[in-house]
């Protein structure tokens, strides 16, 4: 797929859909198999993961073209310190609400899992939308 054919908004909406589907599936499985406390911990981690993805996305959009001004220093500092902030929020939630750290850390991997699913989706279906020929001529195109 060429850069001219790439639809960033569709890709981003699909990424968010994958993220919330993985969150719902993870919460459901962890709640049913391990109980409410683990399910809630997974959900808290997944929400923090979604927040981190949102912050990163907003920062990248604020960069813009090379001719646009650089992002403010506080934005760069916030992006760099987001893992420290997320760890602090997770620690406070753990102490106040008794969340399980391992389940919350698993929930924090939801954004990475959604990104991998989006990459696989583009690898499988990207050729259909790009209008290019099959790069492997001895195989059938889907």
C-alpha atoms as a PDB file:
ATOM      1  CA  UNK A   1       0.000   0.000   0.000  1.00  0.00           C
ATOM      2  CA  UNK A   2       1.409   3.353  -0.949  1.00  0.00           C
ATOM      3  CA  UNK A   3       1.339   6.343   1.348  1.00  0.00           C
ATOM      4  CA  UNK A   4      -1.131   8.062  -0.987  1.00  0.00           C
ATOM      5  CA  UNK A   5      -3.700   5.300  -0.466  1.00  0.00           C
ATOM      6  CA  UNK A   6      -3.253   5.011   3.306  1.00  0.00           C
ATOM      7  CA  UNK A   7      -6.295   6.137   5.324  1.00  0.00           C
ATOM      8  CA  UNK A   8      -4.967   7.127   8.744  1.00  0.00           C
ATOM      9  CA  UNK A   9      -8.397   7.837  10.271  1.00  0.00           C
ATOM     10  CA  UNK A  10      -9.758   4.401   9.358  1.00  0.00           C
ATOM     11  CA  UNK A  11      -6.643   2.742  10.717  1.00  0.00           C
ATOM     12  CA  UNK A  12      -6.860   4.673  13.962  1.00  0.00           C
ATOM     13  CA  UNK A  13     -10.548   3.886  14.463  1.00  0.00           C
ATOM     14  CA  UNK A  14      -9.810   0.205  13.836  1.00  0.00           C
ATOM     15  CA  UNK A  15      -6.957   0.368  16.362  1.00  0.00           C
ATOM     16  CA  UNK A  16      -9.294   1.790  19.012  1.00  0.00           C
ATOM     17  CA  UNK A  17     -11.887  -0.860  18.182  1.00  0.00           C
ATOM     18  CA  UNK A  18      -9.265  -3.602  18.628  1.00  0.00           C
ATOM     19  CA  UNK A  19      -8.175  -2.005  21.903  1.00  0.00           C
ATOM     20  CA  UNK A  20     -11.667  -1.990  23.400  1.00  0.00           C
ATOM     21  CA  UNK A  21     -12.447  -5.489  22.108  1.00  0.00           C
ATOM     22  CA  UNK A  22      -9.272  -6.819  23.732  1.00  0.00           C
ATOM     23  CA  UNK A  23     -10.166  -4.935  26.909  1.00  0.00           C
ATOM     24  CA  UNK A  24     -13.676  -6.379  27.009  1.00  0.00           C
ATOM     25  CA  UNK A  25     -12.425  -9.900  26.282  1.00  0.00           C
ATOM     26  CA  UNK A  26      -9.636  -9.652  28.852  1.00  0.00           C
ATOM     27  CA  UNK A  27     -11.924  -8.290  31.550  1.00  0.00           C
ATOM     28  CA  UNK A  28     -14.542 -10.946  30.834  1.00  0.00           C
ATOM     29  CA  UNK A  29     -12.064 -13.832  30.900  1.00  0.00           C
ATOM     30  CA  UNK A  30     -10.209 -12.587  33.965  1.00  0.00           C
ATOM     31  CA  UNK A  31     -13.435 -11.842  35.830  1.00  0.00           C
ATOM     32  CA  UNK A  32     -14.940 -15.252  35.070  1.00  0.00           C
ATOM     33  CA  UNK A  33     -11.772 -17.279  35.665  1.00  0.00           C
ATOM     34  CA  UNK A  34     -10.116 -15.393  38.528  1.00  0.00           C
ATOM     35  CA  UNK A  35     -12.726 -13.193  40.149  1.00  0.00           C
ATOM     36  CA  UNK A  36     -13.817  -9.612  40.370  1.00  0.00           C
ATOM     37  CA  UNK A  37     -10.587  -8.267  41.855  1.00  0.00           C
ATOM     38  CA  UNK A  38      -8.441  -9.576  38.983  1.00  0.00           C
ATOM     39  CA  UNK A  39     -10.980  -8.424  36.371  1.00  0.00           C
ATOM     40  CA  UNK A  40     -11.054  -4.940  37.863  1.00  0.00           C
ATOM     41  CA  UNK A  41      -7.256  -4.836  37.972  1.00  0.00           C
ATOM     42  CA  UNK A  42      -7.055  -5.844  34.309  1.00  0.00           C
ATOM     43  CA  UNK A  43      -9.582  -3.148  33.424  1.00  0.00           C
ATOM     44  CA  UNK A  44      -7.612  -0.494  35.330  1.00  0.00           C
ATOM     45  CA  UNK A  45      -4.451  -1.451  33.450  1.00  0.00           C
ATOM     46  CA  UNK A  46      -6.282  -1.396  30.122  1.00  0.00           C
ATOM     47  CA  UNK A  47      -7.673   2.076  30.829  1.00  0.00           C
ATOM     48  CA  UNK A  48      -4.174   3.313  31.670  1.00  0.00           C
ATOM     49  CA  UNK A  49      -2.938   1.749  28.437  1.00  0.00           C
ATOM     50  CA  UNK A  50      -5.661   3.540  26.456  1.00  0.00           C
ATOM     51  CA  UNK A  51      -4.785   6.806  28.188  1.00  0.00           C
ATOM     52  CA  UNK A  52      -1.123   6.358  27.303  1.00  0.00           C
ATOM     53  CA  UNK A  53      -2.015   5.646  23.671  1.00  0.00           C
ATOM     54  CA  UNK A  54      -4.231   8.744  23.571  1.00  0.00           C
ATOM     55  CA  UNK A  55      -1.466  10.938  25.022  1.00  0.00           C
ATOM     56  CA  UNK A  56       1.056   9.588  22.533  1.00  0.00           C
ATOM     57  CA  UNK A  57      -1.364  10.115  19.635  1.00  0.00           C
ATOM     58  CA  UNK A  58      -2.059  13.716  20.657  1.00  0.00           C
ATOM     59  CA  UNK A  59       1.663  14.408  20.999  1.00  0.00           C
ATOM     60  CA  UNK A  60       2.406  12.997  17.552  1.00  0.00           C
ATOM     61  CA  UNK A  61      -0.383  15.100  16.029  1.00  0.00           C
ATOM     62  CA  UNK A  62       1.009  18.214  17.710  1.00  0.00           C
ATOM     63  CA  UNK A  63       4.377  17.702  16.008  1.00  0.00           C
ATOM     64  CA  UNK A  64       2.924  18.349  12.555  1.00  0.00           C
ATOM     65  CA  UNK A  65       5.037  19.371   9.578  1.00  0.00           C
ATOM     66  CA  UNK A  66       8.666  20.467   9.882  1.00  0.00           C
ATOM     67  CA  UNK A  67       7.571  24.059   9.242  1.00  0.00           C
ATOM     68  CA  UNK A  68       5.208  24.077  12.243  1.00  0.00           C
ATOM     69  CA  UNK A  69       6.488  25.137  15.666  1.00  0.00           C
ATOM     70  CA  UNK A  70       7.851  22.491  18.012  1.00  0.00           C
ATOM     71  CA  UNK A  71       5.583  21.203  20.794  1.00  0.00           C
ATOM     72  CA  UNK A  72       5.789  23.026  24.095  1.00  0.00           C
ATOM     73  CA  UNK A  73       8.400  21.863  26.579  1.00  0.00           C
ATOM     74  CA  UNK A  74       5.747  20.680  29.032  1.00  0.00           C
ATOM     75  CA  UNK A  75       4.270  18.409  26.343  1.00  0.00           C
ATOM     76  CA  UNK A  76       7.645  16.840  25.673  1.00  0.00           C
ATOM     77  CA  UNK A  77       8.241  16.398  29.392  1.00  0.00           C
ATOM     78  CA  UNK A  78       4.789  14.856  29.879  1.00  0.00           C
ATOM     79  CA  UNK A  79       5.356  12.385  27.073  1.00  0.00           C
ATOM     80  CA  UNK A  80       8.738  11.424  28.475  1.00  0.00           C
ATOM     81  CA  UNK A  81       7.429  11.074  32.004  1.00  0.00           C
ATOM     82  CA  UNK A  82       4.188   9.302  31.144  1.00  0.00           C
ATOM     83  CA  UNK A  83       5.504   5.916  32.292  1.00  0.00           C
ATOM     84  CA  UNK A  84       6.471   7.393  35.641  1.00  0.00           C
ATOM     85  CA  UNK A  85       3.046   9.016  35.923  1.00  0.00           C
ATOM     86  CA  UNK A  86       1.287   5.777  34.967  1.00  0.00           C
ATOM     87  CA  UNK A  87       3.377   3.813  37.458  1.00  0.00           C
ATOM     88  CA  UNK A  88       2.453   6.324  40.155  1.00  0.00           C
ATOM     89  CA  UNK A  89      -1.249   6.113  39.325  1.00  0.00           C
ATOM     90  CA  UNK A  90      -1.048   2.322  39.285  1.00  0.00           C
ATOM     91  CA  UNK A  91       0.706   2.284  42.670  1.00  0.00           C
ATOM     92  CA  UNK A  92      -1.918   4.565  44.233  1.00  0.00           C
ATOM     93  CA  UNK A  93      -4.735   2.450  42.781  1.00  0.00           C
ATOM     94  CA  UNK A  94      -3.047  -0.669  44.109  1.00  0.00           C
ATOM     95  CA  UNK A  95      -2.758   0.756  47.625  1.00  0.00           C
ATOM     96  CA  UNK A  96      -6.194   2.375  47.756  1.00  0.00           C
ATOM     97  CA  UNK A  97      -8.265  -0.267  46.000  1.00  0.00           C
ATOM     98  CA  UNK A  98      -6.176  -3.410  46.479  1.00  0.00           C
ATOM     99  CA  UNK A  99      -5.639  -4.080  42.795  1.00  0.00           C
ATOM    100  CA  UNK A 100      -3.424  -6.944  41.642  1.00  0.00           C
ATOM    101  CA  UNK A 101      -0.263  -5.639  39.992  1.00  0.00           C
ATOM    102  CA  UNK A 102       0.216  -8.560  37.567  1.00  0.00           C
ATOM    103  CA  UNK A 103      -3.333  -8.289  36.231  1.00  0.00           C
ATOM    104  CA  UNK A 104      -2.976  -4.523  35.843  1.00  0.00           C
ATOM    105  CA  UNK A 105       0.319  -4.955  33.984  1.00  0.00           C
ATOM    106  CA  UNK A 106      -1.363  -7.468  31.672  1.00  0.00           C
ATOM    107  CA  UNK A 107      -4.086  -4.897  31.055  1.00  0.00           C
ATOM    108  CA  UNK A 108      -1.445  -2.321  30.188  1.00  0.00           C
ATOM    109  CA  UNK A 109      -0.379  -4.543  27.280  1.00  0.00           C
ATOM    110  CA  UNK A 110      -3.752  -4.106  25.574  1.00  0.00           C
ATOM    111  CA  UNK A 111      -2.571  -1.186  23.402  1.00  0.00           C
ATOM    112  CA  UNK A 112       0.412  -3.229  22.211  1.00  0.00           C
ATOM    113  CA  UNK A 113      -1.892  -6.145  21.391  1.00  0.00           C
ATOM    114  CA  UNK A 114      -4.265  -3.855  19.492  1.00  0.00           C
ATOM    115  CA  UNK A 115      -1.339  -2.453  17.526  1.00  0.00           C
ATOM    116  CA  UNK A 116      -0.186  -5.952  16.586  1.00  0.00           C
ATOM    117  CA  UNK A 117      -3.719  -6.853  15.481  1.00  0.00           C
ATOM    118  CA  UNK A 118      -3.845  -3.709  13.335  1.00  0.00           C
ATOM    119  CA  UNK A 119      -0.505  -4.575  11.740  1.00  0.00           C
ATOM    120  CA  UNK A 120      -1.762  -8.076  10.941  1.00  0.00           C
ATOM    121  CA  UNK A 121      -4.988  -6.635   9.529  1.00  0.00           C
ATOM    122  CA  UNK A 122      -3.047  -4.306   7.236  1.00  0.00           C
ATOM    123  CA  UNK A 123      -0.744  -7.111   6.126  1.00  0.00           C
ATOM    124  CA  UNK A 124      -3.706  -9.290   5.216  1.00  0.00           C
ATOM    125  CA  UNK A 125      -6.168  -6.725   3.860  1.00  0.00           C
ATOM    126  CA  UNK A 126      -3.957  -3.779   2.903  1.00  0.00           C
ATOM    127  CA  UNK A 127      -3.283  -5.106  -0.580  1.00  0.00           C
ATOM    128  CA  UNK A 128      -7.006  -5.248  -1.344  1.00  0.00           C
ATOM    129  CA  UNK A 129      -7.403  -1.533  -0.734  1.00  0.00           C
ATOM    130  CA  UNK A 130      -4.182  -0.392  -2.363  1.00  0.00           C
ATOM    131  CA  UNK A 131      -4.911  -1.423  -5.943  1.00  0.00           C
ATOM    132  CA  UNK A 132      -1.483  -3.038  -6.324  1.00  0.00           C
ATOM    133  CA  UNK A 133      -0.820  -6.431  -7.782  1.00  0.00           C
ATOM    134  CA  UNK A 134      -0.087  -9.538  -5.782  1.00  0.00           C
ATOM    135  CA  UNK A 135       3.629  -9.464  -4.879  1.00  0.00           C
ATOM    136  CA  UNK A 136       3.686 -13.272  -4.781  1.00  0.00           C
ATOM    137  CA  UNK A 137       2.525 -14.353  -8.252  1.00  0.00           C
ATOM    138  CA  UNK A 138       2.431 -18.085  -7.429  1.00  0.00           C
ATOM    139  CA  UNK A 139      -0.203 -17.603  -4.726  1.00  0.00           C
ATOM    140  CA  UNK A 140      -3.829 -16.580  -4.961  1.00  0.00           C
ATOM    141  CA  UNK A 141      -4.804 -13.071  -3.988  1.00  0.00           C
ATOM    142  CA  UNK A 142      -7.585 -12.906  -1.399  1.00  0.00           C
END
